[in-house]
Amino acid sequence: MDGVLAPTPLVSSELAPGAALKLETFQPTGAFKVRGALAAVAALPDGVPAVTASAGNHGLGMGYAAARSGADVTVVVSTRASRAKVERIAAYPVRLVQHGTTYDEAEAHATALSARSSGHYVSAYNDPAVIAGQGTLGRELDRQADGPLTVVAPVGGGGLLAGLSLWARERGDVRLVGVESAVSRGVSASVAAGRVVEVEVGETFADGLPGNLEPGCVTPGVIGPDAALTAVTDDQIRTALRWLFREHGLVAEGAGAAGVAAVLAGKVEVTGRLVVLVSGRNITAETFADALRAG
């Protein structure tokens, strides 16, 4: 994203000896998803509208890209999507549609809208341009962190981890750890099965993580067996939110703190220097305050 997005900070942390946090919370939309969105909109054929589904942060990224390029973008979110994210998406020059009560329902509606409008459906995770855009995070780490590295990232649909996997294989001295919500483990189940499988999805306040994968999704195959996959509970994520606020003065959303949660819970084996991605900060003040009080 050279020339479009400024590199996000890599800051030292007492999370582990020599550890660092990669702060994607400093993106203009507050989350890493803007990387993939900019890449996807740049790849659109001239005059072709884009339709996408989002839990929130990808929609913000698509809105930012639409504002920069003038692209015709429709964003579909569920009726239960984070209010903090929906209100910010609505401020961008996009068509905002709310449909269904889950991400999966919003996604199905978005694909149907795309087919009816002859638009291009941009998946938040299952899109080559999106995956390549997320992988630019690794290119920044090339300039910021000598190896060997253990890089810990959140996993919803797997677009970020897929992009990082392509980068890590080229670099050669990076071990990846992907962190799912304990109530939504579609990527790890699909990697284990060698094909996309449907899993039961539960409720979590980490709204960027839950949901099943699209049929034919490429992310499990791109991630493959090279990355370690683990999961954290909501209580562990809330502990991480409090830790980030107390130790670094940082605001993070649930998905954004998943990597820190896994480290604090002892679920990450570290080789070399530890780098944890803090992937987003878009959370309502009420939800964040509740998480702080819970401790």
Protein backbone atom coordinates (compact mmCIF):
# COMPACT_ATOMS: atom_id res chain seq x y z
CA MET A 1 0.00 0.00 0.00
CA ASP A 2 3.02 2.28 -0.56
CA GLY A 3 1.93 5.80 -1.42
CA VAL A 4 -1.63 5.24 -0.15
CA LEU A 5 -1.36 4.07 3.45
CA ALA A 6 1.36 5.10 5.86
CA PRO A 7 3.11 2.14 7.56
CA THR A 8 1.52 1.36 10.91
CA PRO A 9 3.70 1.44 14.04
CA LEU A 10 5.56 -1.51 15.49
CA VAL A 11 6.00 -0.85 19.21
CA SER A 12 7.91 -2.74 21.89
CA SER A 13 5.84 -4.55 24.49
CA GLU A 14 6.31 -6.37 27.77
CA LEU A 15 3.95 -9.08 26.53
CA ALA A 16 7.01 -11.34 26.19
CA PRO A 17 10.78 -10.79 26.08
CA GLY A 18 11.57 -8.77 22.96
CA ALA A 19 7.91 -8.73 21.88
CA ALA A 20 6.30 -6.08 19.69
CA LEU A 21 2.78 -5.04 18.75
CA LYS A 22 1.92 -4.15 15.14
CA LEU A 23 -0.75 -1.46 15.53
CA GLU A 24 -3.24 -1.70 12.68
CA THR A 25 -5.48 0.39 14.92
CA PHE A 26 -3.63 3.36 13.38
CA GLN A 27 -5.11 2.75 9.92
CA PRO A 28 -7.41 5.57 8.69
CA THR A 29 -10.42 3.27 9.15
CA GLY A 30 -9.14 1.88 12.45
CA ALA A 31 -8.46 -1.63 11.14
CA PHE A 32 -6.24 -3.65 8.79
CA LYS A 33 -9.13 -4.44 6.42
CA VAL A 34 -8.55 -1.22 4.49
CA ARG A 35 -5.49 -2.87 2.92
CA GLY A 36 -7.49 -5.55 1.15
CA ALA A 37 -10.33 -3.20 0.30
CA LEU A 38 -8.04 -0.73 -1.47
CA ALA A 39 -6.46 -3.56 -3.44
CA ALA A 40 -9.85 -5.01 -4.41
CA VAL A 41 -11.30 -1.68 -5.57
CA ALA A 42 -8.14 -0.92 -7.55
CA ALA A 43 -8.59 -4.26 -9.35
CA LEU A 44 -12.20 -3.57 -10.40
CA PRO A 45 -12.79 -3.31 -14.17
CA ASP A 46 -13.72 0.23 -15.21
CA GLY A 47 -17.36 1.03 -14.55
CA VAL A 48 -18.17 -2.24 -12.77
CA PRO A 49 -19.91 -1.76 -9.40
CA ALA A 50 -18.74 -3.63 -6.32
CA VAL A 51 -20.96 -5.41 -3.81
CA THR A 52 -19.62 -6.74 -0.54
CA ALA A 53 -20.71 -8.15 2.80
CA SER A 54 -19.02 -7.13 6.00
CA ALA A 55 -19.05 -7.54 9.74
CA GLY A 56 -17.95 -3.91 9.74
CA ASN A 57 -14.25 -3.29 9.20
CA HIS A 58 -14.14 -4.54 5.60
CA GLY A 59 -17.13 -2.31 4.86
CA LEU A 60 -15.23 0.64 6.33
CA GLY A 61 -12.28 -0.22 4.11
CA MET A 62 -14.51 -0.44 1.03
CA GLY A 63 -16.05 2.91 1.94
CA TYR A 64 -12.62 4.49 2.27
CA ALA A 65 -11.60 3.03 -1.09
CA ALA A 66 -14.83 4.28 -2.70
CA ALA A 67 -14.22 7.78 -1.36
CA ARG A 68 -10.71 7.79 -2.84
CA SER A 69 -11.60 6.31 -6.23
CA GLY A 70 -15.24 7.19 -6.90
CA ALA A 71 -16.10 3.50 -7.31
CA ASP A 72 -19.73 2.36 -7.06
CA VAL A 73 -19.83 0.27 -3.87
CA THR A 74 -22.67 -1.44 -1.99
CA VAL A 75 -21.98 -2.75 1.52
CA VAL A 76 -24.29 -5.30 3.17
CA VAL A 77 -24.16 -5.76 6.95
CA SER A 78 -26.39 -7.66 9.32
CA THR A 79 -28.92 -5.91 11.52
CA ARG A 80 -26.78 -6.88 14.50
CA ALA A 81 -23.51 -5.48 13.19
CA SER A 82 -21.55 -3.19 15.51
CA ARG A 83 -23.23 0.20 15.74
CA ALA A 84 -19.84 1.90 15.88
CA LYS A 85 -18.91 0.39 12.53
CA VAL A 86 -22.27 0.81 10.80
CA GLU A 87 -22.44 4.52 11.63
CA ARG A 88 -18.98 5.09 10.20
CA ILE A 89 -19.71 3.08 7.04
CA ALA A 90 -22.79 5.24 6.45
CA ALA A 91 -20.58 8.35 6.39
CA TYR A 92 -18.80 7.08 3.25
CA PRO A 93 -20.21 7.39 -0.31
CA VAL A 94 -21.60 3.82 -0.45
CA ARG A 95 -25.01 2.16 -0.53
CA LEU A 96 -25.46 0.64 2.92
CA VAL A 97 -27.86 -2.30 3.20
CA GLN A 98 -28.74 -4.06 6.45
CA HIS A 99 -30.04 -7.60 6.01
CA GLY A 100 -30.32 -10.67 8.24
CA THR A 101 -29.21 -11.17 11.80
CA THR A 102 -25.87 -12.90 11.11
CA TYR A 103 -22.85 -12.33 8.89
CA ASP A 104 -23.71 -15.47 6.92
CA GLU A 105 -27.16 -14.07 6.07
CA ALA A 106 -25.71 -10.71 5.06
CA GLU A 107 -23.15 -12.47 2.89
CA ALA A 108 -25.79 -14.54 1.10
CA HIS A 109 -27.83 -11.39 0.42
CA ALA A 110 -24.78 -9.56 -0.92
CA THR A 111 -23.93 -12.33 -3.38
CA ALA A 112 -27.55 -12.34 -4.61
CA LEU A 113 -27.49 -8.54 -5.03
CA SER A 114 -24.25 -8.79 -6.96
CA ALA A 115 -25.71 -11.35 -9.37
CA ARG A 116 -28.82 -9.25 -9.97
CA SER A 117 -26.90 -6.04 -10.58
CA SER A 118 -24.11 -7.53 -12.76
CA GLY A 119 -21.71 -6.23 -10.15
CA HIS A 120 -18.48 -7.74 -8.90
CA TYR A 121 -18.79 -9.43 -5.52
CA VAL A 122 -15.83 -8.58 -3.30
CA SER A 123 -15.53 -11.10 -0.49
CA ALA A 124 -14.07 -9.79 2.74
CA TYR A 125 -11.67 -12.75 2.74
CA ASN A 126 -12.16 -15.04 -0.30
CA ASP A 127 -10.82 -12.71 -2.97
CA PRO A 128 -7.30 -12.79 -4.50
CA ALA A 129 -6.94 -9.00 -4.45
CA VAL A 130 -8.13 -8.78 -0.84
CA ILE A 131 -5.70 -11.51 0.22
CA ALA A 132 -2.84 -9.78 -1.61
CA GLY A 133 -3.75 -6.46 0.03
CA GLN A 134 -3.71 -7.97 3.51
CA GLY A 135 -0.31 -9.47 2.73
CA THR A 136 1.17 -5.98 2.45
CA LEU A 137 1.24 -6.01 6.23
CA GLY A 138 4.04 -8.55 5.97
CA ARG A 139 5.96 -6.33 3.55
CA GLU A 140 5.92 -3.61 6.18
CA LEU A 141 7.27 -6.05 8.75
CA ASP A 142 10.16 -6.81 6.37
CA ARG A 143 11.32 -3.23 6.96
CA GLN A 144 10.45 -3.15 10.67
CA ALA A 145 11.50 -6.48 12.20
CA ASP A 146 14.49 -8.74 11.70
CA GLY A 147 13.80 -12.45 12.00
CA PRO A 148 13.23 -15.08 13.00
CA LEU A 149 9.68 -14.08 13.94
CA THR A 150 6.52 -15.57 15.39
CA VAL A 151 3.62 -13.47 14.06
CA VAL A 152 0.22 -13.83 15.73
CA ALA A 153 -2.91 -12.71 13.86
CA PRO A 154 -6.69 -12.96 14.33
CA VAL A 155 -8.65 -15.29 12.05
CA GLY A 156 -12.24 -14.84 10.90
CA GLY A 157 -12.55 -15.82 7.24
CA GLY A 158 -8.79 -16.20 6.95
CA GLY A 159 -7.98 -13.46 4.43
CA LEU A 160 -5.35 -11.85 6.64
CA LEU A 161 -3.71 -15.14 7.59
CA ALA A 162 -3.75 -16.26 3.94
CA GLY A 163 -2.00 -13.07 2.83
CA LEU A 164 0.53 -13.42 5.63
CA SER A 165 1.07 -17.09 4.72
CA LEU A 166 2.11 -16.17 1.17
CA TRP A 167 4.51 -13.59 2.57
CA ALA A 168 5.91 -15.91 5.26
CA ARG A 169 6.72 -18.64 2.73
CA GLU A 170 8.76 -16.16 0.71
CA ARG A 171 10.54 -14.73 3.73
CA GLY A 172 11.35 -18.11 5.23
CA ASP A 173 11.99 -17.16 8.87
CA VAL A 174 8.43 -16.51 10.03
CA ARG A 175 6.17 -18.78 12.04
CA LEU A 176 2.48 -17.83 11.92
CA VAL A 177 -0.13 -18.38 14.61
CA GLY A 178 -3.78 -17.73 13.75
CA VAL A 179 -6.30 -17.06 16.53
CA GLU A 180 -10.00 -17.82 16.09
CA SER A 181 -12.93 -17.31 18.41
CA ALA A 182 -13.64 -20.47 20.37
CA VAL A 183 -17.26 -20.31 19.16
CA SER A 184 -16.40 -20.01 15.43
CA ARG A 185 -13.66 -22.27 14.14
CA GLY A 186 -14.47 -22.55 10.45
CA VAL A 187 -10.94 -21.99 9.16
CA SER A 188 -9.22 -24.53 11.43
CA ALA A 189 -11.94 -27.10 10.73
CA SER A 190 -11.57 -26.57 6.99
CA VAL A 191 -7.77 -26.76 7.12
CA ALA A 192 -8.02 -30.03 9.05
CA ALA A 193 -10.59 -31.47 6.62
CA GLY A 194 -8.75 -30.34 3.50
CA ARG A 195 -11.96 -28.72 2.22
CA VAL A 196 -14.44 -26.06 3.30
CA VAL A 197 -16.72 -27.42 6.02
CA GLU A 198 -19.57 -25.77 7.88
CA VAL A 199 -19.30 -25.40 11.64
CA GLU A 200 -21.62 -24.30 14.39
CA VAL A 201 -21.19 -20.59 15.10
CA GLY A 202 -21.93 -19.18 18.54
CA GLU A 203 -22.37 -15.71 19.98
CA THR A 204 -19.29 -13.59 20.69
CA PHE A 205 -18.67 -9.93 21.33
CA ALA A 206 -15.63 -10.19 19.00
CA ASP A 207 -17.89 -9.38 16.05
CA GLY A 208 -15.10 -9.53 13.44
CA LEU A 209 -14.42 -13.24 14.00
CA PRO A 210 -17.59 -15.37 13.72
CA GLY A 211 -19.11 -16.84 10.56
CA ASN A 212 -18.81 -19.76 8.17
CA LEU A 213 -16.76 -19.71 4.98
CA GLU A 214 -18.13 -19.29 1.48
CA PRO A 215 -18.38 -22.53 -0.54
CA GLY A 216 -15.12 -22.98 -2.42
CA CYS A 217 -13.26 -20.50 -0.18
CA VAL A 218 -9.55 -20.51 -0.97
CA THR A 219 -8.20 -19.28 2.37
CA PRO A 220 -7.87 -22.68 4.12
CA GLY A 221 -5.87 -24.03 1.19
CA VAL A 222 -3.61 -20.97 1.08
CA ILE A 223 -3.04 -21.12 4.83
CA GLY A 224 -2.47 -24.89 4.74
CA PRO A 225 -0.67 -26.77 7.51
CA ASP A 226 2.16 -24.25 7.89
CA ALA A 227 0.32 -21.94 10.32
CA ALA A 228 -0.60 -22.99 13.86
CA LEU A 229 -4.25 -22.35 14.69
CA THR A 230 -5.66 -21.82 18.16
CA ALA A 231 -8.72 -20.20 19.73
CA VAL A 232 -9.67 -17.91 22.60
CA THR A 233 -12.80 -17.30 24.63
CA ASP A 234 -14.61 -14.01 25.15
CA ASP A 235 -13.31 -13.84 28.72
CA GLN A 236 -9.73 -14.21 27.47
CA ILE A 237 -10.32 -11.47 24.88
CA ARG A 238 -11.73 -9.13 27.53
CA THR A 239 -8.62 -9.78 29.63
CA ALA A 240 -6.53 -8.79 26.61
CA LEU A 241 -8.55 -5.59 26.07
CA ARG A 242 -7.87 -4.59 29.65
CA TRP A 243 -4.17 -5.47 29.32
CA LEU A 244 -3.75 -3.40 26.15
CA PHE A 245 -5.46 -0.43 27.79
CA ARG A 246 -3.55 -0.74 31.06
CA GLU A 247 -0.09 -1.45 29.62
CA HIS A 248 -0.18 0.55 26.38
CA GLY A 249 -3.13 2.94 26.63
CA LEU A 250 -4.62 1.28 23.55
CA VAL A 251 -8.25 0.82 22.59
CA ALA A 252 -8.90 -2.42 20.70
CA GLU A 253 -12.03 -4.22 19.60
CA GLY A 254 -12.59 -7.86 20.43
CA ALA A 255 -11.14 -9.32 17.24
CA GLY A 256 -8.30 -6.83 17.41
CA ALA A 257 -7.18 -8.17 20.79
CA ALA A 258 -7.47 -11.87 19.93
CA GLY A 259 -3.73 -12.31 19.32
CA VAL A 260 -2.82 -10.72 22.64
CA ALA A 261 -5.46 -12.90 24.31
CA ALA A 262 -3.83 -16.05 22.95
CA VAL A 263 -0.38 -15.00 24.20
CA LEU A 264 -1.66 -14.09 27.66
CA ALA A 265 -3.48 -17.43 27.84
CA GLY A 266 -0.28 -19.34 27.08
CA LYS A 267 -1.51 -20.62 23.72
CA VAL A 268 1.38 -19.36 21.57
CA GLU A 269 4.70 -21.14 21.18
CA VAL A 270 7.28 -18.51 20.26
CA THR A 271 10.26 -18.95 17.98
CA GLY A 272 12.45 -15.87 17.69
CA ARG A 273 10.88 -12.45 18.21
CA LEU A 274 7.15 -12.28 18.95
CA VAL A 275 5.04 -9.86 16.87
CA VAL A 276 1.33 -9.64 17.69
CA LEU A 277 -1.06 -7.87 15.35
CA VAL A 278 -3.55 -5.57 17.07
CA SER A 279 -5.87 -5.56 14.11
CA GLY A 280 -8.65 -3.08 14.90
CA ARG A 281 -10.10 -0.56 17.35
CA ASN A 282 -13.70 -0.05 16.18
CA ILE A 283 -15.73 -0.70 19.29
CA THR A 284 -18.50 1.29 20.96
CA ALA A 285 -17.60 3.19 24.10
CA GLU A 286 -20.24 1.23 26.01
CA THR A 287 -18.88 -2.18 24.97
CA PHE A 288 -15.32 -1.16 25.73
CA ALA A 289 -16.28 0.26 29.14
CA ASP A 290 -18.16 -2.95 29.96
CA ALA A 291 -15.06 -5.00 29.13
CA LEU A 292 -12.92 -2.81 31.38
CA ARG A 293 -15.40 -3.08 34.25
CA ALA A 294 -15.58 -6.87 33.88
CA GLY A 295 -12.07 -7.13 35.27
